[in-house]
């Protein structure tokens, strides 16, 4: 069943964040992830929104978790340490 990895990102150090932004997409692609939305315009309907959002489609929650825990993604993640406050969730599709 398809699943969506949704990222809510508040960038605090744009220069440092660039290393993550350049490296993470390759890790996502390697594990079958497809970027659906990334860093575009956001319209808040209720509550508040972070500075950036990303939505990535995977074949399953297990595949999304496998990507997140992969050596490739963890290396990219290290490059955003101290550069952003993030919340990542994965949800199954209907």
C-alpha atoms as a PDB file:
ATOM      1  CA  UNK A   1       0.000   0.000   0.000  1.00  0.00           C
ATOM      2  CA  UNK A   2       1.481   3.398  -0.933  1.00  0.00           C
ATOM      3  CA  UNK A   3       2.661   5.632   1.872  1.00  0.00           C
ATOM      4  CA  UNK A   4       3.587   9.287   2.149  1.00  0.00           C
ATOM      5  CA  UNK A   5       6.524  10.708   4.092  1.00  0.00           C
ATOM      6  CA  UNK A   6       5.560  14.252   5.062  1.00  0.00           C
ATOM      7  CA  UNK A   7       8.247  16.628   6.312  1.00  0.00           C
ATOM      8  CA  UNK A   8       7.645  19.901   8.131  1.00  0.00           C
ATOM      9  CA  UNK A   9      10.879  21.899   8.151  1.00  0.00           C
ATOM     10  CA  UNK A  10      11.853  25.198   9.749  1.00  0.00           C
ATOM     11  CA  UNK A  11      15.257  26.098   8.338  1.00  0.00           C
ATOM     12  CA  UNK A  12      17.408  27.998  10.848  1.00  0.00           C
ATOM     13  CA  UNK A  13      20.703  28.019   8.907  1.00  0.00           C
ATOM     14  CA  UNK A  14      20.081  28.098   5.136  1.00  0.00           C
ATOM     15  CA  UNK A  15      23.745  27.770   4.153  1.00  0.00           C
ATOM     16  CA  UNK A  16      24.227  24.654   6.282  1.00  0.00           C
ATOM     17  CA  UNK A  17      20.866  23.210   5.194  1.00  0.00           C
ATOM     18  CA  UNK A  18      21.979  23.243   1.545  1.00  0.00           C
ATOM     19  CA  UNK A  19      24.222  20.215   2.113  1.00  0.00           C
ATOM     20  CA  UNK A  20      21.196  18.209   3.239  1.00  0.00           C
ATOM     21  CA  UNK A  21      18.983  19.521   0.431  1.00  0.00           C
ATOM     22  CA  UNK A  22      21.539  18.433  -2.166  1.00  0.00           C
ATOM     23  CA  UNK A  23      22.177  14.950  -0.720  1.00  0.00           C
ATOM     24  CA  UNK A  24      18.786  13.759   0.551  1.00  0.00           C
ATOM     25  CA  UNK A  25      17.032  13.406  -2.852  1.00  0.00           C
ATOM     26  CA  UNK A  26      19.541  10.779  -4.043  1.00  0.00           C
ATOM     27  CA  UNK A  27      18.935   8.694  -0.912  1.00  0.00           C
ATOM     28  CA  UNK A  28      15.171   9.010  -1.359  1.00  0.00           C
ATOM     29  CA  UNK A  29      15.374   7.959  -5.014  1.00  0.00           C
ATOM     30  CA  UNK A  30      17.602   4.978  -4.189  1.00  0.00           C
ATOM     31  CA  UNK A  31      14.865   3.605  -1.924  1.00  0.00           C
ATOM     32  CA  UNK A  32      12.076   4.172  -4.444  1.00  0.00           C
ATOM     33  CA  UNK A  33      10.792   7.473  -3.107  1.00  0.00           C
ATOM     34  CA  UNK A  34       9.128   9.920  -5.475  1.00  0.00           C
ATOM     35  CA  UNK A  35       9.063  13.617  -4.563  1.00  0.00           C
ATOM     36  CA  UNK A  36       5.462  14.803  -4.785  1.00  0.00           C
ATOM     37  CA  UNK A  37       5.983  18.265  -3.272  1.00  0.00           C
ATOM     38  CA  UNK A  38       9.136  19.975  -2.068  1.00  0.00           C
ATOM     39  CA  UNK A  39       9.682  23.525  -0.875  1.00  0.00           C
ATOM     40  CA  UNK A  40       6.932  25.134  -2.953  1.00  0.00           C
ATOM     41  CA  UNK A  41       4.252  27.628  -1.988  1.00  0.00           C
ATOM     42  CA  UNK A  42       2.152  26.627   1.035  1.00  0.00           C
ATOM     43  CA  UNK A  43      -1.314  28.007   1.807  1.00  0.00           C
ATOM     44  CA  UNK A  44      -2.241  27.649   5.486  1.00  0.00           C
ATOM     45  CA  UNK A  45      -5.902  26.776   6.004  1.00  0.00           C
ATOM     46  CA  UNK A  46      -5.744  26.209   9.778  1.00  0.00           C
ATOM     47  CA  UNK A  47      -3.028  26.496  12.395  1.00  0.00           C
ATOM     48  CA  UNK A  48       0.497  27.391  11.377  1.00  0.00           C
ATOM     49  CA  UNK A  49       2.878  26.036   8.779  1.00  0.00           C
ATOM     50  CA  UNK A  50       6.629  25.562   8.858  1.00  0.00           C
ATOM     51  CA  UNK A  51       8.897  27.405   6.492  1.00  0.00           C
ATOM     52  CA  UNK A  52       9.130  24.364   4.180  1.00  0.00           C
ATOM     53  CA  UNK A  53       7.264  21.152   3.511  1.00  0.00           C
ATOM     54  CA  UNK A  54       8.038  18.043   1.508  1.00  0.00           C
ATOM     55  CA  UNK A  55       5.849  15.090   0.546  1.00  0.00           C
ATOM     56  CA  UNK A  56       7.469  11.895  -0.734  1.00  0.00           C
ATOM     57  CA  UNK A  57       5.582   8.847  -2.005  1.00  0.00           C
ATOM     58  CA  UNK A  58       6.932   5.367  -1.226  1.00  0.00           C
ATOM     59  CA  UNK A  59       5.603   1.892  -2.047  1.00  0.00           C
ATOM     60  CA  UNK A  60       4.935   1.270   1.675  1.00  0.00           C
ATOM     61  CA  UNK A  61       5.583   2.580   5.168  1.00  0.00           C
ATOM     62  CA  UNK A  62       8.254  -0.103   5.526  1.00  0.00           C
ATOM     63  CA  UNK A  63      10.079   1.232   2.460  1.00  0.00           C
ATOM     64  CA  UNK A  64       9.914   4.820   3.772  1.00  0.00           C
ATOM     65  CA  UNK A  65      11.333   3.707   7.133  1.00  0.00           C
ATOM     66  CA  UNK A  66      14.030   1.699   5.342  1.00  0.00           C
ATOM     67  CA  UNK A  67      15.021   4.864   3.464  1.00  0.00           C
ATOM     68  CA  UNK A  68      15.040   6.990   6.636  1.00  0.00           C
ATOM     69  CA  UNK A  69      17.243   4.462   8.450  1.00  0.00           C
ATOM     70  CA  UNK A  70      19.566   3.906   5.478  1.00  0.00           C
ATOM     71  CA  UNK A  71      23.240   4.887   5.638  1.00  0.00           C
ATOM     72  CA  UNK A  72      22.683   7.235   2.685  1.00  0.00           C
ATOM     73  CA  UNK A  73      19.841   9.164   4.308  1.00  0.00           C
ATOM     74  CA  UNK A  74      21.521   9.229   7.720  1.00  0.00           C
ATOM     75  CA  UNK A  75      24.612  10.802   6.099  1.00  0.00           C
ATOM     76  CA  UNK A  76      22.403  13.506   4.552  1.00  0.00           C
ATOM     77  CA  UNK A  77      20.601  13.981   7.873  1.00  0.00           C
ATOM     78  CA  UNK A  78      23.898  14.741   9.622  1.00  0.00           C
ATOM     79  CA  UNK A  79      24.325  17.690   7.254  1.00  0.00           C
ATOM     80  CA  UNK A  80      21.147  19.322   8.536  1.00  0.00           C
ATOM     81  CA  UNK A  81      21.998  18.984  12.236  1.00  0.00           C
ATOM     82  CA  UNK A  82      21.834  22.467  13.710  1.00  0.00           C
ATOM     83  CA  UNK A  83      20.408  23.827  10.448  1.00  0.00           C
ATOM     84  CA  UNK A  84      16.692  23.039  10.846  1.00  0.00           C
ATOM     85  CA  UNK A  85      13.928  21.968  13.184  1.00  0.00           C
ATOM     86  CA  UNK A  86      12.050  19.104  11.580  1.00  0.00           C
ATOM     87  CA  UNK A  87       9.050  16.866  12.082  1.00  0.00           C
ATOM     88  CA  UNK A  88       8.756  13.850   9.773  1.00  0.00           C
ATOM     89  CA  UNK A  89       5.755  11.514   9.646  1.00  0.00           C
ATOM     90  CA  UNK A  90       4.804   8.613   7.386  1.00  0.00           C
ATOM     91  CA  UNK A  91       1.193   7.719   6.656  1.00  0.00           C
ATOM     92  CA  UNK A  92      -0.451   5.043   4.554  1.00  0.00           C
ATOM     93  CA  UNK A  93      -2.531   5.994   1.556  1.00  0.00           C
ATOM     94  CA  UNK A  94      -6.208   5.133   1.376  1.00  0.00           C
END
